[in-house]
Amino acid sequence: IVECNRIVHINMRTGSVMSVLDSATGRVFAAWLPAELTRGVIDSELA
């Protein structure tokens, strides 16, 4: 995480695991990674 020159309070830190379906980060992985890599995590979130 690279912080800018102002204080921005965000509940995210190194090691945080993001949602595949809800976060912008996760959706990029879901869009471009092979489905066999993401399927298990996505199925778990959907369940």
All heavy atoms as atom14 arrays in JSON, in Angstrom:
{
  "sequence": "IVECNRIVHINMRTGSVMSVLDSATGRVFAAWLPAELTRGVIDSELA",
  "atom14_mask": [
    [1, 1, 1, 1, 1, 1, 1, 1, 0, 0, 0, 0, 0, 0],
    [1, 1, 1, 1, 1, 1, 1, 0, 0, 0, 0, 0, 0, 0],
    [1, 1, 1, 1, 1, 1, 1, 1, 1, 0, 0, 0, 0, 0],
    [1, 1, 1, 1, 1, 1, 0, 0, 0, 0, 0, 0, 0, 0],
    [1, 1, 1, 1, 1, 1, 1, 1, 0, 0, 0, 0, 0, 0],
    [1, 1, 1, 1, 1, 1, 1, 1, 1, 1, 1, 0, 0, 0],
    [1, 1, 1, 1, 1, 1, 1, 1, 0, 0, 0, 0, 0, 0],
    [1, 1, 1, 1, 1, 1, 1, 0, 0, 0, 0, 0, 0, 0],
    [1, 1, 1, 1, 1, 1, 1, 1, 1, 1, 0, 0, 0, 0],
    [1, 1, 1, 1, 1, 1, 1, 1, 0, 0, 0, 0, 0, 0],
    [1, 1, 1, 1, 1, 1, 1, 1, 0, 0, 0, 0, 0, 0],
    [1, 1, 1, 1, 1, 1, 1, 1, 0, 0, 0, 0, 0, 0],
    [1, 1, 1, 1, 1, 1, 1, 1, 1, 1, 1, 0, 0, 0],
    [1, 1, 1, 1, 1, 1, 1, 0, 0, 0, 0, 0, 0, 0],
    [1, 1, 1, 1, 0, 0, 0, 0, 0, 0, 0, 0, 0, 0],
    [1, 1, 1, 1, 1, 1, 0, 0, 0, 0, 0, 0, 0, 0],
    [1, 1, 1, 1, 1, 1, 1, 0, 0, 0, 0, 0, 0, 0],
    [1, 1, 1, 1, 1, 1, 1, 1, 0, 0, 0, 0, 0, 0],
    [1, 1, 1, 1, 1, 1, 0, 0, 0, 0, 0, 0, 0, 0],
    [1, 1, 1, 1, 1, 1, 1, 0, 0, 0, 0, 0, 0, 0],
    [1, 1, 1, 1, 1, 1, 1, 1, 0, 0, 0, 0, 0, 0],
    [1, 1, 1, 1, 1, 1, 1, 1, 0, 0, 0, 0, 0, 0],
    [1, 1, 1, 1, 1, 1, 0, 0, 0, 0, 0, 0, 0, 0],
    [1, 1, 1, 1, 1, 0, 0, 0, 0, 0, 0, 0, 0, 0],
    [1, 1, 1, 1, 1, 1, 1, 0, 0, 0, 0, 0, 0, 0],
    [1, 1, 1, 1, 0, 0, 0, 0, 0, 0, 0, 0, 0, 0],
    [1, 1, 1, 1, 1, 1, 1, 1, 1, 1, 1, 0, 0, 0],
    [1, 1, 1, 1, 1, 1, 1, 0, 0, 0, 0, 0, 0, 0],
    [1, 1, 1, 1, 1, 1, 1, 1, 1, 1, 1, 0, 0, 0],
    [1, 1, 1, 1, 1, 0, 0, 0, 0, 0, 0, 0, 0, 0],
    [1, 1, 1, 1, 1, 0, 0, 0, 0, 0, 0, 0, 0, 0],
    [1, 1, 1, 1, 1, 1, 1, 1, 1, 1, 1, 1, 1, 1],
    [1, 1, 1, 1, 1, 1, 1, 1, 0, 0, 0, 0, 0, 0],
    [1, 1, 1, 1, 1, 1, 1, 0, 0, 0, 0, 0, 0, 0],
    [1, 1, 1, 1, 1, 0, 0, 0, 0, 0, 0, 0, 0, 0],
    [1, 1, 1, 1, 1, 1, 1, 1, 1, 0, 0, 0, 0, 0],
    [1, 1, 1, 1, 1, 1, 1, 1, 0, 0, 0, 0, 0, 0],
    [1, 1, 1, 1, 1, 1, 1, 0, 0, 0, 0, 0, 0, 0],
    [1, 1, 1, 1, 1, 1, 1, 1, 1, 1, 1, 0, 0, 0],
    [1, 1, 1, 1, 0, 0, 0, 0, 0, 0, 0, 0, 0, 0],
    [1, 1, 1, 1, 1, 1, 1, 0, 0, 0, 0, 0, 0, 0],
    [1, 1, 1, 1, 1, 1, 1, 1, 0, 0, 0, 0, 0, 0],
    [1, 1, 1, 1, 1, 1, 1, 1, 0, 0, 0, 0, 0, 0],
    [1, 1, 1, 1, 1, 1, 0, 0, 0, 0, 0, 0, 0, 0],
    [1, 1, 1, 1, 1, 1, 1, 1, 1, 0, 0, 0, 0, 0],
    [1, 1, 1, 1, 1, 1, 1, 1, 0, 0, 0, 0, 0, 0],
    [1, 1, 1, 1, 1, 0, 0, 0, 0, 0, 0, 0, 0, 0]
  ],
  "atom14_positions": [
    [[0.86, -1.18, 0.0], [0.0, 0.0, 0.0], [0.89, 1.23, 0.0], [1.79, 1.36, 0.85], [-0.94, 0.03, 1.21], [-1.9, -1.16, 1.18], [-1.72, 1.35, 1.24], [-2.82, -1.23, 2.39], [0.0, 0.0, 0.0], [0.0, 0.0, 0.0], [0.0, 0.0, 0.0], [0.0, 0.0, 0.0], [0.0, 0.0, 0.0], [0.0, 0.0, 0.0]],
    [[0.69, 2.11, -0.95], [1.44, 3.36, -1.02], [0.49, 4.48, -0.66], [-0.54, 4.69, -1.31], [2.0, 3.6, -2.45], [2.76, 4.92, -2.5], [2.91, 2.45, -2.85], [0.0, 0.0, 0.0], [0.0, 0.0, 0.0], [0.0, 0.0, 0.0], [0.0, 0.0, 0.0], [0.0, 0.0, 0.0], [0.0, 0.0, 0.0], [0.0, 0.0, 0.0]],
    [[0.83, 5.2, 0.4], [-0.04, 6.28, 0.85], [0.35, 7.6, 0.19], [1.52, 7.85, -0.1], [0.03, 6.41, 2.38], [-0.47, 5.16, 3.1], [-0.46, 5.32, 4.61], [0.16, 6.29, 5.09], [-1.06, 4.48, 5.3], [0.0, 0.0, 0.0], [0.0, 0.0, 0.0], [0.0, 0.0, 0.0], [0.0, 0.0, 0.0], [0.0, 0.0, 0.0]],
    [[-0.64, 8.45, -0.03], [-0.39, 9.75, -0.63], [0.04, 10.75, 0.44], [0.27, 10.38, 1.6], [-1.64, 10.23, -1.38], [-3.1, 10.36, -0.33], [0.0, 0.0, 0.0], [0.0, 0.0, 0.0], [0.0, 0.0, 0.0], [0.0, 0.0, 0.0], [0.0, 0.0, 0.0], [0.0, 0.0, 0.0], [0.0, 0.0, 0.0], [0.0, 0.0, 0.0]],
    [[0.11, 12.01, 0.06], [0.62, 13.02, 0.98], [-0.43, 13.6, 1.93], [-0.2, 14.63, 2.54], [1.25, 14.17, 0.18], [2.58, 13.78, -0.42], [3.32, 12.98, 0.16], [2.9, 14.31, -1.59], [0.0, 0.0, 0.0], [0.0, 0.0, 0.0], [0.0, 0.0, 0.0], [0.0, 0.0, 0.0], [0.0, 0.0, 0.0], [0.0, 0.0, 0.0]],
    [[-1.56, 12.95, 2.03], [-2.58, 13.4, 2.98], [-3.09, 12.18, 3.74], [-2.86, 11.04, 3.35], [-3.74, 14.09, 2.24], [-4.48, 13.19, 1.27], [-5.38, 13.99, 0.35], [-5.99, 13.13, -0.64], [-7.3, 12.84, -0.68], [-8.1, 13.32, 0.26], [-7.79, 12.08, -1.62], [0.0, 0.0, 0.0], [0.0, 0.0, 0.0], [0.0, 0.0, 0.0]],
    [[-3.74, 12.45, 4.84], [-4.24, 11.35, 5.67], [-5.56, 10.84, 5.08], [-6.52, 11.59, 4.94], [-4.46, 11.81, 7.12], [-3.12, 12.24, 7.74], [-5.08, 10.69, 7.94], [-3.26, 12.8, 9.14], [0.0, 0.0, 0.0], [0.0, 0.0, 0.0], [0.0, 0.0, 0.0], [0.0, 0.0, 0.0], [0.0, 0.0, 0.0], [0.0, 0.0, 0.0]],
    [[-5.56, 9.58, 4.71], [-6.76, 8.93, 4.17], [-7.01, 7.67, 5.0], [-6.21, 6.75, 4.98], [-6.59, 8.56, 2.68], [-7.84, 7.86, 2.17], [-6.28, 9.8, 1.85], [0.0, 0.0, 0.0], [0.0, 0.0, 0.0], [0.0, 0.0, 0.0], [0.0, 0.0, 0.0], [0.0, 0.0, 0.0], [0.0, 0.0, 0.0], [0.0, 0.0, 0.0]],
    [[-8.1, 7.68, 5.74], [-8.4, 6.55, 6.62], [-9.14, 5.47, 5.83], [-10.31, 5.62, 5.47], [-9.25, 7.02, 7.8], [-8.54, 7.99, 8.69], [-7.49, 7.62, 9.51], [-8.72, 9.32, 8.88], [-7.05, 8.67, 10.18], [-7.78, 9.73, 9.81], [0.0, 0.0, 0.0], [0.0, 0.0, 0.0], [0.0, 0.0, 0.0], [0.0, 0.0, 0.0]],
    [[-8.42, 4.39, 5.53], [-9.0, 3.27, 4.78], [-8.69, 1.98, 5.51], [-7.54, 1.73, 5.89], [-8.43, 3.22, 3.34], [-8.83, 4.49, 2.58], [-8.94, 1.98, 2.61], [-8.24, 4.57, 1.2], [0.0, 0.0, 0.0], [0.0, 0.0, 0.0], [0.0, 0.0, 0.0], [0.0, 0.0, 0.0], [0.0, 0.0, 0.0], [0.0, 0.0, 0.0]],
    [[-9.7, 1.16, 5.7], [-9.52, -0.1, 6.42], [-8.94, -1.16, 5.49], [-9.61, -2.11, 5.1], [-10.86, -0.57, 7.0], [-10.69, -1.79, 7.89], [-9.62, -2.02, 8.45], [-11.75, -2.57, 8.03], [0.0, 0.0, 0.0], [0.0, 0.0, 0.0], [0.0, 0.0, 0.0], [0.0, 0.0, 0.0], [0.0, 0.0, 0.0], [0.0, 0.0, 0.0]],
    [[-7.69, -0.96, 5.13], [-6.98, -1.92, 4.29], [-5.51, -1.89, 4.68], [-4.94, -0.82, 4.93], [-7.12, -1.56, 2.8], [-6.35, -2.47, 1.86], [-6.32, -1.85, 0.16], [-8.02, -2.11, -0.32], [0.0, 0.0, 0.0], [0.0, 0.0, 0.0], [0.0, 0.0, 0.0], [0.0, 0.0, 0.0], [0.0, 0.0, 0.0], [0.0, 0.0, 0.0]],
    [[-4.91, -3.06, 4.74], [-3.49, -3.12, 5.1], [-2.83, -4.25, 4.33], [-3.51, -5.08, 3.71], [-3.32, -3.31, 6.6], [-4.0, -4.58, 7.13], [-3.87, -4.69, 8.63], [-4.42, -3.54, 9.3], [-5.72, -3.4, 9.61], [-6.58, -4.36, 9.27], [-6.17, -2.37, 10.22], [0.0, 0.0, 0.0], [0.0, 0.0, 0.0], [0.0, 0.0, 0.0]],
    [[-1.52, -4.26, 4.35], [-0.78, -5.34, 3.7], [-1.21, -6.69, 4.28], [-1.26, -6.85, 5.5], [0.73, -5.15, 3.88], [1.12, -3.91, 3.31], [1.5, -6.27, 3.21], [0.0, 0.0, 0.0], [0.0, 0.0, 0.0], [0.0, 0.0, 0.0], [0.0, 0.0, 0.0], [0.0, 0.0, 0.0], [0.0, 0.0, 0.0], [0.0, 0.0, 0.0]],
    [[-1.55, -7.62, 3.42], [-2.03, -8.92, 3.86], [-3.54, -9.04, 3.81], [-4.07, -10.16, 3.94], [0.0, 0.0, 0.0], [0.0, 0.0, 0.0], [0.0, 0.0, 0.0], [0.0, 0.0, 0.0], [0.0, 0.0, 0.0], [0.0, 0.0, 0.0], [0.0, 0.0, 0.0], [0.0, 0.0, 0.0], [0.0, 0.0, 0.0], [0.0, 0.0, 0.0]],
    [[-4.25, -7.92, 3.63], [-5.71, -7.98, 3.54], [-6.13, -8.81, 2.33], [-5.53, -8.72, 1.26], [-6.29, -6.57, 3.4], [-6.08, -5.8, 4.56], [0.0, 0.0, 0.0], [0.0, 0.0, 0.0], [0.0, 0.0, 0.0], [0.0, 0.0, 0.0], [0.0, 0.0, 0.0], [0.0, 0.0, 0.0], [0.0, 0.0, 0.0], [0.0, 0.0, 0.0]],
    [[-7.14, -9.63, 2.51], [-7.7, -10.43, 1.42], [-9.01, -9.78, 0.99], [-9.92, -9.6, 1.81], [-7.94, -11.89, 1.84], [-8.58, -12.67, 0.7], [-6.63, -12.54, 2.26], [0.0, 0.0, 0.0], [0.0, 0.0, 0.0], [0.0, 0.0, 0.0], [0.0, 0.0, 0.0], [0.0, 0.0, 0.0], [0.0, 0.0, 0.0], [0.0, 0.0, 0.0]],
    [[-9.1, -9.42, -0.28], [-10.26, -8.7, -0.79], [-11.31, -9.65, -1.36], [-10.98, -10.75, -1.82], [-9.82, -7.72, -1.89], [-8.66, -6.82, -1.5], [-9.04, -5.77, -0.09], [-10.31, -4.7, -0.81], [0.0, 0.0, 0.0], [0.0, 0.0, 0.0], [0.0, 0.0, 0.0], [0.0, 0.0, 0.0], [0.0, 0.0, 0.0], [0.0, 0.0, 0.0]],
    [[-12.54, -9.21, -1.32], [-13.63, -9.98, -1.94], [-13.43, -10.02, -3.45], [-13.07, -9.01, -4.07], [-14.97, -9.34, -1.61], [-15.99, -9.85, -2.44], [0.0, 0.0, 0.0], [0.0, 0.0, 0.0], [0.0, 0.0, 0.0], [0.0, 0.0, 0.0], [0.0, 0.0, 0.0], [0.0, 0.0, 0.0], [0.0, 0.0, 0.0], [0.0, 0.0, 0.0]],
    [[-13.68, -11.16, -4.06], [-13.59, -11.27, -5.51], [-14.77, -10.57, -6.18], [-14.61, -9.87, -7.18], [-13.53, -12.75, -5.95], [-13.55, -12.85, -7.47], [-12.29, -13.42, -5.41], [0.0, 0.0, 0.0], [0.0, 0.0, 0.0], [0.0, 0.0, 0.0], [0.0, 0.0, 0.0], [0.0, 0.0, 0.0], [0.0, 0.0, 0.0], [0.0, 0.0, 0.0]],
    [[-15.95, -10.74, -5.61], [-17.16, -10.23, -6.25], [-17.46, -8.77, -5.92], [-18.02, -8.05, -6.75], [-18.35, -11.09, -5.84], [-18.27, -12.57, -6.24], [-19.48, -13.32, -5.71], [-18.17, -12.72, -7.74], [0.0, 0.0, 0.0], [0.0, 0.0, 0.0], [0.0, 0.0, 0.0], [0.0, 0.0, 0.0], [0.0, 0.0, 0.0], [0.0, 0.0, 0.0]],
    [[-17.09, -8.32, -4.73], [-17.49, -6.99, -4.29], [-16.43, -5.92, -4.51], [-16.76, -4.75, -4.69], [-17.87, -7.01, -2.81], [-19.14, -7.8, -2.55], [-19.99, -7.85, -3.46], [-19.27, -8.37, -1.45], [0.0, 0.0, 0.0], [0.0, 0.0, 0.0], [0.0, 0.0, 0.0], [0.0, 0.0, 0.0], [0.0, 0.0, 0.0], [0.0, 0.0, 0.0]],
    [[-15.17, -6.27, -4.47], [-14.11, -5.26, -4.59], [-13.7, -5.09, -6.05], [-13.77, -6.02, -6.86], [-12.89, -5.65, -3.75], [-12.2, -6.74, -4.33], [0.0, 0.0, 0.0], [0.0, 0.0, 0.0], [0.0, 0.0, 0.0], [0.0, 0.0, 0.0], [0.0, 0.0, 0.0], [0.0, 0.0, 0.0], [0.0, 0.0, 0.0], [0.0, 0.0, 0.0]],
    [[-13.25, -3.88, -6.37], [-12.73, -3.62, -7.72], [-11.52, -4.5, -7.98], [-11.35, -5.06, -9.08], [-12.37, -2.14, -7.87], [0.0, 0.0, 0.0], [0.0, 0.0, 0.0], [0.0, 0.0, 0.0], [0.0, 0.0, 0.0], [0.0, 0.0, 0.0], [0.0, 0.0, 0.0], [0.0, 0.0, 0.0], [0.0, 0.0, 0.0], [0.0, 0.0, 0.0]],
    [[-10.67, -4.64, -6.98], [-9.47, -5.49, -7.11], [-9.87, -6.91, -7.48], [-9.33, -7.51, -8.41], [-8.68, -5.49, -5.79], [-8.27, -4.16, -5.48], [-7.45, -6.37, -5.9], [0.0, 0.0, 0.0], [0.0, 0.0, 0.0], [0.0, 0.0, 0.0], [0.0, 0.0, 0.0], [0.0, 0.0, 0.0], [0.0, 0.0, 0.0], [0.0, 0.0, 0.0]],
    [[-10.81, -7.47, -6.74], [-11.22, -8.85, -6.97], [-11.85, -9.06, -8.33], [-11.62, -10.1, -8.97], [0.0, 0.0, 0.0], [0.0, 0.0, 0.0], [0.0, 0.0, 0.0], [0.0, 0.0, 0.0], [0.0, 0.0, 0.0], [0.0, 0.0, 0.0], [0.0, 0.0, 0.0], [0.0, 0.0, 0.0], [0.0, 0.0, 0.0], [0.0, 0.0, 0.0]],
    [[-12.61, -8.08, -8.8], [-13.26, -8.24, -10.11], [-12.25, -8.28, -11.25], [-12.49, -8.95, -12.26], [-14.26, -7.11, -10.32], [-15.47, -7.21, -9.39], [-16.35, -5.97, -9.47], [-17.4, -6.01, -8.46], [-18.19, -4.99, -8.17], [-18.05, -3.84, -8.82], [-19.12, -5.1, -7.24], [0.0, 0.0, 0.0], [0.0, 0.0, 0.0], [0.0, 0.0, 0.0]],
    [[-11.15, -7.56, -11.09], [-10.12, -7.63, -12.13], [-9.52, -9.03, -12.17], [-9.3, -9.61, -13.25], [-9.02, -6.58, -11.87], [-7.85, -6.78, -12.85], [-9.59, -5.17, -12.06], [0.0, 0.0, 0.0], [0.0, 0.0, 0.0], [0.0, 0.0, 0.0], [0.0, 0.0, 0.0], [0.0, 0.0, 0.0], [0.0, 0.0, 0.0], [0.0, 0.0, 0.0]],
    [[-9.25, -9.6, -11.0], [-8.74, -10.98, -10.98], [-9.75, -11.93, -11.62], [-9.39, -12.82, -12.4], [-8.45, -11.42, -9.55], [-7.14, -10.91, -9.0], [-7.12, -9.96, -8.01], [-5.94, -11.39, -9.49], [-5.92, -9.49, -7.49], [-4.73, -10.92, -8.99], [-4.72, -9.97, -7.99], [0.0, 0.0, 0.0], [0.0, 0.0, 0.0], [0.0, 0.0, 0.0]],
    [[-11.01, -11.77, -11.28], [-12.05, -12.65, -11.83], [-12.16, -12.5, -13.33], [-12.48, -13.48, -14.04], [-13.39, -12.36, -11.17], [0.0, 0.0, 0.0], [0.0, 0.0, 0.0], [0.0, 0.0, 0.0], [0.0, 0.0, 0.0], [0.0, 0.0, 0.0], [0.0, 0.0, 0.0], [0.0, 0.0, 0.0], [0.0, 0.0, 0.0], [0.0, 0.0, 0.0]],
    [[-11.92, -11.3, -13.84], [-12.07, -11.05, -15.28], [-10.92, -11.61, -16.1], [-11.12, -12.01, -17.25], [-12.2, -9.54, -15.53], [0.0, 0.0, 0.0], [0.0, 0.0, 0.0], [0.0, 0.0, 0.0], [0.0, 0.0, 0.0], [0.0, 0.0, 0.0], [0.0, 0.0, 0.0], [0.0, 0.0, 0.0], [0.0, 0.0, 0.0], [0.0, 0.0, 0.0]],
    [[-9.7, -11.65, -15.52], [-8.55, -12.02, -16.35], [-7.79, -13.27, -15.9], [-7.0, -13.8, -16.67], [-7.59, -10.85, -16.46], [-8.0, -9.87, -17.52], [-7.92, -10.06, -18.88], [-8.6, -8.58, -17.34], [-8.42, -8.96, -19.54], [-8.84, -8.04, -18.62], [-8.94, -7.82, -16.22], [-9.41, -6.78, -18.81], [-9.51, -6.59, -16.4], [-9.74, -6.07, -17.69]],
    [[-8.04, -13.76, -14.72], [-7.41, -15.02, -14.34], [-8.19, -16.2, -14.93], [-9.4, -16.08, -15.16], [-7.36, -15.17, -12.82], [-6.25, -14.46, -12.05], [-6.36, -14.79, -10.57], [-4.86, -14.84, -12.57], [0.0, 0.0, 0.0], [0.0, 0.0, 0.0], [0.0, 0.0, 0.0], [0.0, 0.0, 0.0], [0.0, 0.0, 0.0], [0.0, 0.0, 0.0]],
    [[-7.54, -17.33, -15.16], [-8.27, -18.52, -15.62], [-9.35, -18.89, -14.61], [-9.15, -18.81, -13.39], [-7.17, -19.6, -15.67], [-5.9, -18.83, -15.87], [-6.08, -17.57, -15.09], [0.0, 0.0, 0.0], [0.0, 0.0, 0.0], [0.0, 0.0, 0.0], [0.0, 0.0, 0.0], [0.0, 0.0, 0.0], [0.0, 0.0, 0.0], [0.0, 0.0, 0.0]],
    [[-10.51, -19.28, -15.12], [-11.65, -19.58, -14.25], [-11.35, -20.66, -13.23], [-11.87, -20.63, -12.11], [-12.85, -19.98, -15.11], [0.0, 0.0, 0.0], [0.0, 0.0, 0.0], [0.0, 0.0, 0.0], [0.0, 0.0, 0.0], [0.0, 0.0, 0.0], [0.0, 0.0, 0.0], [0.0, 0.0, 0.0], [0.0, 0.0, 0.0], [0.0, 0.0, 0.0]],
    [[-10.48, -21.61, -13.6], [-10.2, -22.7, -12.66], [-9.47, -22.2, -11.41], [-9.51, -22.85, -10.37], [-9.38, -23.81, -13.34], [-8.07, -23.37, -13.96], [-8.22, -23.0, -15.42], [-9.34, -22.68, -15.84], [-7.19, -23.06, -16.14], [0.0, 0.0, 0.0], [0.0, 0.0, 0.0], [0.0, 0.0, 0.0], [0.0, 0.0, 0.0], [0.0, 0.0, 0.0]],
    [[-8.79, -21.05, -11.51], [-8.1, -20.5, -10.36], [-9.06, -19.77, -9.42], [-8.88, -19.78, -8.2], [-6.99, -19.53, -10.79], [-5.74, -20.14, -11.41], [-4.75, -19.04, -11.77], [-5.09, -21.13, -10.45], [0.0, 0.0, 0.0], [0.0, 0.0, 0.0], [0.0, 0.0, 0.0], [0.0, 0.0, 0.0], [0.0, 0.0, 0.0], [0.0, 0.0, 0.0]],
    [[-10.04, -19.11, -9.98], [-10.93, -18.28, -9.17], [-12.22, -18.97, -8.76], [-12.91, -18.5, -7.86], [-11.29, -17.0, -9.95], [-12.0, -17.36, -11.16], [-10.04, -16.22, -10.32], [0.0, 0.0, 0.0], [0.0, 0.0, 0.0], [0.0, 0.0, 0.0], [0.0, 0.0, 0.0], [0.0, 0.0, 0.0], [0.0, 0.0, 0.0], [0.0, 0.0, 0.0]],
    [[-12.55, -20.08, -9.41], [-13.87, -20.69, -9.21], [-14.15, -21.03, -7.75], [-15.24, -20.77, -7.22], [-14.0, -21.95, -10.07], [-15.41, -22.57, -10.0], [-15.53, -23.76, -10.94], [-15.39, -23.35, -12.32], [-14.38, -23.71, -13.12], [-13.41, -24.49, -12.64], [-14.32, -23.31, -14.36], [0.0, 0.0, 0.0], [0.0, 0.0, 0.0], [0.0, 0.0, 0.0]],
    [[-13.17, -21.59, -7.06], [-13.38, -22.0, -5.67], [-13.71, -20.84, -4.76], [-14.63, -20.91, -3.94], [0.0, 0.0, 0.0], [0.0, 0.0, 0.0], [0.0, 0.0, 0.0], [0.0, 0.0, 0.0], [0.0, 0.0, 0.0], [0.0, 0.0, 0.0], [0.0, 0.0, 0.0], [0.0, 0.0, 0.0], [0.0, 0.0, 0.0], [0.0, 0.0, 0.0]],
    [[-12.97, -19.74, -4.92], [-13.21, -18.56, -4.08], [-14.56, -17.94, -4.41], [-15.32, -17.54, -3.53], [-12.07, -17.54, -4.25], [-12.35, -16.29, -3.42], [-10.74, -18.15, -3.84], [0.0, 0.0, 0.0], [0.0, 0.0, 0.0], [0.0, 0.0, 0.0], [0.0, 0.0, 0.0], [0.0, 0.0, 0.0], [0.0, 0.0, 0.0], [0.0, 0.0, 0.0]],
    [[-14.86, -17.84, -5.72], [-16.14, -17.26, -6.13], [-17.31, -18.11, -5.63], [-18.3, -17.57, -5.1], [-16.2, -17.13, -7.67], [-15.22, -16.05, -8.14], [-17.61, -16.78, -8.12], [-15.13, -15.91, -9.64], [0.0, 0.0, 0.0], [0.0, 0.0, 0.0], [0.0, 0.0, 0.0], [0.0, 0.0, 0.0], [0.0, 0.0, 0.0], [0.0, 0.0, 0.0]],
    [[-17.21, -19.43, -5.76], [-18.28, -20.3, -5.29], [-18.49, -20.15, -3.79], [-19.64, -20.17, -3.3], [-17.97, -21.76, -5.62], [-18.11, -22.07, -7.11], [-18.69, -21.23, -7.82], [-17.63, -23.13, -7.54], [0.0, 0.0, 0.0], [0.0, 0.0, 0.0], [0.0, 0.0, 0.0], [0.0, 0.0, 0.0], [0.0, 0.0, 0.0], [0.0, 0.0, 0.0]],
    [[-17.39, -19.96, -3.05], [-17.49, -19.8, -1.6], [-18.21, -18.5, -1.26], [-19.06, -18.46, -0.36], [-16.09, -19.8, -0.98], [-16.16, -19.57, 0.41], [0.0, 0.0, 0.0], [0.0, 0.0, 0.0], [0.0, 0.0, 0.0], [0.0, 0.0, 0.0], [0.0, 0.0, 0.0], [0.0, 0.0, 0.0], [0.0, 0.0, 0.0], [0.0, 0.0, 0.0]],
    [[-17.89, -17.42, -1.98], [-18.56, -16.14, -1.72], [-20.05, -16.23, -2.09], [-20.9, -15.7, -1.36], [-17.89, -15.02, -2.51], [-16.5, -14.66, -1.99], [-15.95, -13.38, -2.62], [-16.75, -12.59, -3.15], [-14.72, -13.18, -2.59], [0.0, 0.0, 0.0], [0.0, 0.0, 0.0], [0.0, 0.0, 0.0], [0.0, 0.0, 0.0], [0.0, 0.0, 0.0]],
    [[-20.35, -16.87, -3.2], [-21.75, -16.99, -3.62], [-22.56, -17.82, -2.62], [-23.74, -17.53, -2.37], [-21.83, -17.64, -5.0], [-21.33, -16.8, -6.18], [-21.34, -17.62, -7.46], [-22.2, -15.55, -6.35], [0.0, 0.0, 0.0], [0.0, 0.0, 0.0], [0.0, 0.0, 0.0], [0.0, 0.0, 0.0], [0.0, 0.0, 0.0], [0.0, 0.0, 0.0]],
    [[-21.93, -18.82, -2.03], [-22.63, -19.7, -1.1], [-23.06, -18.97, 0.16], [-23.99, -19.4, 0.85], [-21.73, -20.88, -0.73], [0.0, 0.0, 0.0], [0.0, 0.0, 0.0], [0.0, 0.0, 0.0], [0.0, 0.0, 0.0], [0.0, 0.0, 0.0], [0.0, 0.0, 0.0], [0.0, 0.0, 0.0], [0.0, 0.0, 0.0], [0.0, 0.0, 0.0]]
  ]
}
